[in-house]
N, C-alpha and C. Protein backbone atom coordinates (compact mmCIF):
# COMPACT_ATOMS: atom_id res chain seq x y z
N MET A 1 0.85 -1.19 0.00
CA MET A 1 0.00 0.00 0.00
C MET A 1 0.89 1.24 0.00
N ASN A 2 0.43 2.28 -0.64
CA ASN A 2 1.14 3.54 -0.69
C ASN A 2 1.33 4.09 0.72
N ASN A 3 2.52 4.55 1.04
CA ASN A 3 2.84 5.08 2.36
C ASN A 3 2.11 6.39 2.66
N ARG A 4 1.50 6.98 1.65
CA ARG A 4 0.80 8.24 1.82
C ARG A 4 -0.48 8.08 2.65
N TYR A 5 -1.07 6.90 2.61
CA TYR A 5 -2.32 6.65 3.29
C TYR A 5 -2.13 5.63 4.40
N MET A 6 -2.85 5.82 5.50
CA MET A 6 -2.74 4.94 6.66
C MET A 6 -4.11 4.36 6.98
N THR A 7 -4.10 3.14 7.49
CA THR A 7 -5.33 2.51 7.96
C THR A 7 -5.57 2.94 9.41
N THR A 8 -6.75 2.60 9.92
CA THR A 8 -7.06 2.88 11.32
C THR A 8 -6.05 2.20 12.24
N ALA A 9 -5.69 0.96 11.93
CA ALA A 9 -4.73 0.24 12.76
C ALA A 9 -3.36 0.92 12.74
N GLU A 10 -2.95 1.43 11.59
CA GLU A 10 -1.65 2.10 11.49
C GLU A 10 -1.65 3.42 12.27
N VAL A 11 -2.75 4.15 12.21
CA VAL A 11 -2.86 5.39 12.99
C VAL A 11 -2.82 5.05 14.48
N ALA A 12 -3.54 4.03 14.88
CA ALA A 12 -3.55 3.62 16.29
C ALA A 12 -2.14 3.24 16.75
N GLU A 13 -1.43 2.51 15.93
CA GLU A 13 -0.06 2.10 16.29
C GLU A 13 0.84 3.32 16.44
N LEU A 14 0.74 4.26 15.51
CA LEU A 14 1.53 5.48 15.58
C LEU A 14 1.26 6.24 16.87
N LEU A 15 -0.01 6.30 17.26
CA LEU A 15 -0.42 7.07 18.44
C LEU A 15 -0.39 6.26 19.73
N ARG A 16 0.00 4.99 19.61
CA ARG A 16 0.08 4.09 20.77
C ARG A 16 -1.24 4.02 21.52
N THR A 17 -2.29 3.82 20.75
CA THR A 17 -3.62 3.64 21.30
C THR A 17 -4.29 2.51 20.53
N SER A 18 -5.52 2.22 20.86
CA SER A 18 -6.22 1.12 20.20
C SER A 18 -6.96 1.61 18.95
N PRO A 19 -7.18 0.71 18.00
CA PRO A 19 -8.00 1.08 16.84
C PRO A 19 -9.41 1.53 17.25
N GLU A 20 -9.93 0.96 18.33
CA GLU A 20 -11.26 1.35 18.80
C GLU A 20 -11.27 2.83 19.20
N THR A 21 -10.20 3.29 19.83
CA THR A 21 -10.11 4.70 20.23
C THR A 21 -10.08 5.59 18.99
N VAL A 22 -9.31 5.21 17.98
CA VAL A 22 -9.24 5.99 16.74
C VAL A 22 -10.62 6.03 16.07
N ARG A 23 -11.31 4.88 16.07
CA ARG A 23 -12.67 4.85 15.49
C ARG A 23 -13.61 5.75 16.28
N TYR A 24 -13.50 5.76 17.59
CA TYR A 24 -14.34 6.63 18.42
C TYR A 24 -14.06 8.10 18.10
N TRP A 25 -12.77 8.47 18.01
CA TRP A 25 -12.43 9.85 17.65
C TRP A 25 -13.05 10.23 16.32
N ARG A 26 -13.01 9.31 15.34
CA ARG A 26 -13.61 9.58 14.03
C ARG A 26 -15.11 9.78 14.18
N HIS A 27 -15.74 8.94 14.99
CA HIS A 27 -17.19 9.00 15.20
C HIS A 27 -17.63 10.34 15.79
N VAL A 28 -16.86 10.85 16.75
CA VAL A 28 -17.24 12.11 17.42
C VAL A 28 -16.60 13.34 16.76
N GLY A 29 -15.83 13.13 15.68
CA GLY A 29 -15.24 14.25 14.96
C GLY A 29 -14.04 14.86 15.65
N LYS A 30 -13.35 14.08 16.48
CA LYS A 30 -12.24 14.58 17.27
C LYS A 30 -10.87 14.24 16.67
N GLY A 31 -10.78 13.22 15.87
CA GLY A 31 -9.50 12.73 15.38
C GLY A 31 -9.08 13.35 14.07
N PRO A 32 -8.02 12.81 13.49
CA PRO A 32 -7.55 13.33 12.20
C PRO A 32 -8.55 13.04 11.09
N GLY A 33 -8.47 13.84 10.03
CA GLY A 33 -9.38 13.67 8.90
C GLY A 33 -9.23 12.29 8.27
N SER A 34 -10.34 11.75 7.82
CA SER A 34 -10.34 10.43 7.20
C SER A 34 -11.32 10.43 6.04
N PHE A 35 -11.26 9.38 5.25
CA PHE A 35 -12.20 9.21 4.14
C PHE A 35 -12.36 7.73 3.86
N ARG A 36 -13.46 7.41 3.20
CA ARG A 36 -13.76 6.01 2.89
C ARG A 36 -13.42 5.71 1.43
N VAL A 37 -12.88 4.52 1.25
CA VAL A 37 -12.69 3.95 -0.08
C VAL A 37 -13.40 2.60 0.00
N GLY A 38 -14.62 2.58 -0.51
CA GLY A 38 -15.45 1.38 -0.31
C GLY A 38 -15.75 1.24 1.16
N ARG A 39 -15.39 0.10 1.74
CA ARG A 39 -15.63 -0.13 3.17
C ARG A 39 -14.42 0.23 4.03
N LYS A 40 -13.31 0.56 3.40
CA LYS A 40 -12.08 0.85 4.13
C LYS A 40 -11.99 2.34 4.47
N VAL A 41 -11.58 2.65 5.69
CA VAL A 41 -11.35 4.02 6.11
C VAL A 41 -9.85 4.28 6.04
N LEU A 42 -9.48 5.37 5.38
CA LEU A 42 -8.07 5.73 5.25
C LEU A 42 -7.83 7.13 5.79
N TYR A 43 -6.59 7.35 6.20
CA TYR A 43 -6.15 8.64 6.69
C TYR A 43 -4.94 9.05 5.87
N GLU A 44 -4.92 10.27 5.37
CA GLU A 44 -3.73 10.74 4.67
C GLU A 44 -2.67 11.07 5.72
N ARG A 45 -1.47 10.57 5.52
CA ARG A 45 -0.39 10.76 6.50
C ARG A 45 -0.20 12.23 6.85
N ASN A 46 -0.27 13.12 5.86
CA ASN A 46 -0.12 14.55 6.13
C ASN A 46 -1.20 15.08 7.05
N ASP A 47 -2.44 14.57 6.91
CA ASP A 47 -3.53 14.99 7.79
C ASP A 47 -3.28 14.55 9.23
N VAL A 48 -2.79 13.33 9.40
CA VAL A 48 -2.49 12.82 10.74
C VAL A 48 -1.39 13.66 11.38
N GLU A 49 -0.33 13.93 10.63
CA GLU A 49 0.78 14.71 11.17
C GLU A 49 0.35 16.14 11.48
N SER A 50 -0.48 16.74 10.65
CA SER A 50 -0.99 18.08 10.89
C SER A 50 -1.86 18.11 12.15
N TRP A 51 -2.72 17.11 12.31
CA TRP A 51 -3.58 17.00 13.48
C TRP A 51 -2.74 16.90 14.75
N LEU A 52 -1.66 16.12 14.70
CA LEU A 52 -0.77 16.01 15.86
C LEU A 52 -0.07 17.33 16.16
N ARG A 53 0.38 18.05 15.13
CA ARG A 53 1.01 19.36 15.35
C ARG A 53 0.02 20.33 15.99
N ASP A 54 -1.23 20.31 15.53
CA ASP A 54 -2.26 21.19 16.10
C ASP A 54 -2.51 20.86 17.57
N LEU A 55 -2.56 19.57 17.89
CA LEU A 55 -2.75 19.17 19.29
C LEU A 55 -1.60 19.66 20.15
N ARG A 56 -0.40 19.48 19.66
CA ARG A 56 0.79 19.92 20.41
C ARG A 56 0.79 21.43 20.59
N ALA A 57 0.45 22.17 19.56
CA ALA A 57 0.41 23.63 19.65
C ALA A 57 -0.64 24.08 20.67
N ALA A 58 -1.78 23.41 20.69
CA ALA A 58 -2.83 23.75 21.66
C ALA A 58 -2.34 23.48 23.09
N GLU A 59 -1.59 22.40 23.29
CA GLU A 59 -1.03 22.09 24.61
C GLU A 59 -0.07 23.19 25.05
N VAL A 60 0.78 23.63 24.14
CA VAL A 60 1.77 24.66 24.46
C VAL A 60 1.07 25.97 24.82
N ARG A 61 0.04 26.34 24.04
CA ARG A 61 -0.71 27.56 24.32
C ARG A 61 -1.42 27.49 25.66
N ALA A 62 -1.93 26.31 26.02
CA ALA A 62 -2.67 26.16 27.27
C ALA A 62 -1.76 26.16 28.50
N ALA A 63 -0.49 25.87 28.30
CA ALA A 63 0.46 25.78 29.43
C ALA A 63 0.87 27.15 29.94
């Protein structure tokens, strides 16, 4: 698979959490952007990295 796109399991592994948590974030609109290809949910690597940078920036501002 192209390294540009990540599965839910790959995002969970990167974030050291469970795929269920990533699915919950998607359900409530809290996680990184995703899209469906048929029945598969994919995340663009750039979207995941951007989402992480935004979270980190919000933490720094809140401190």
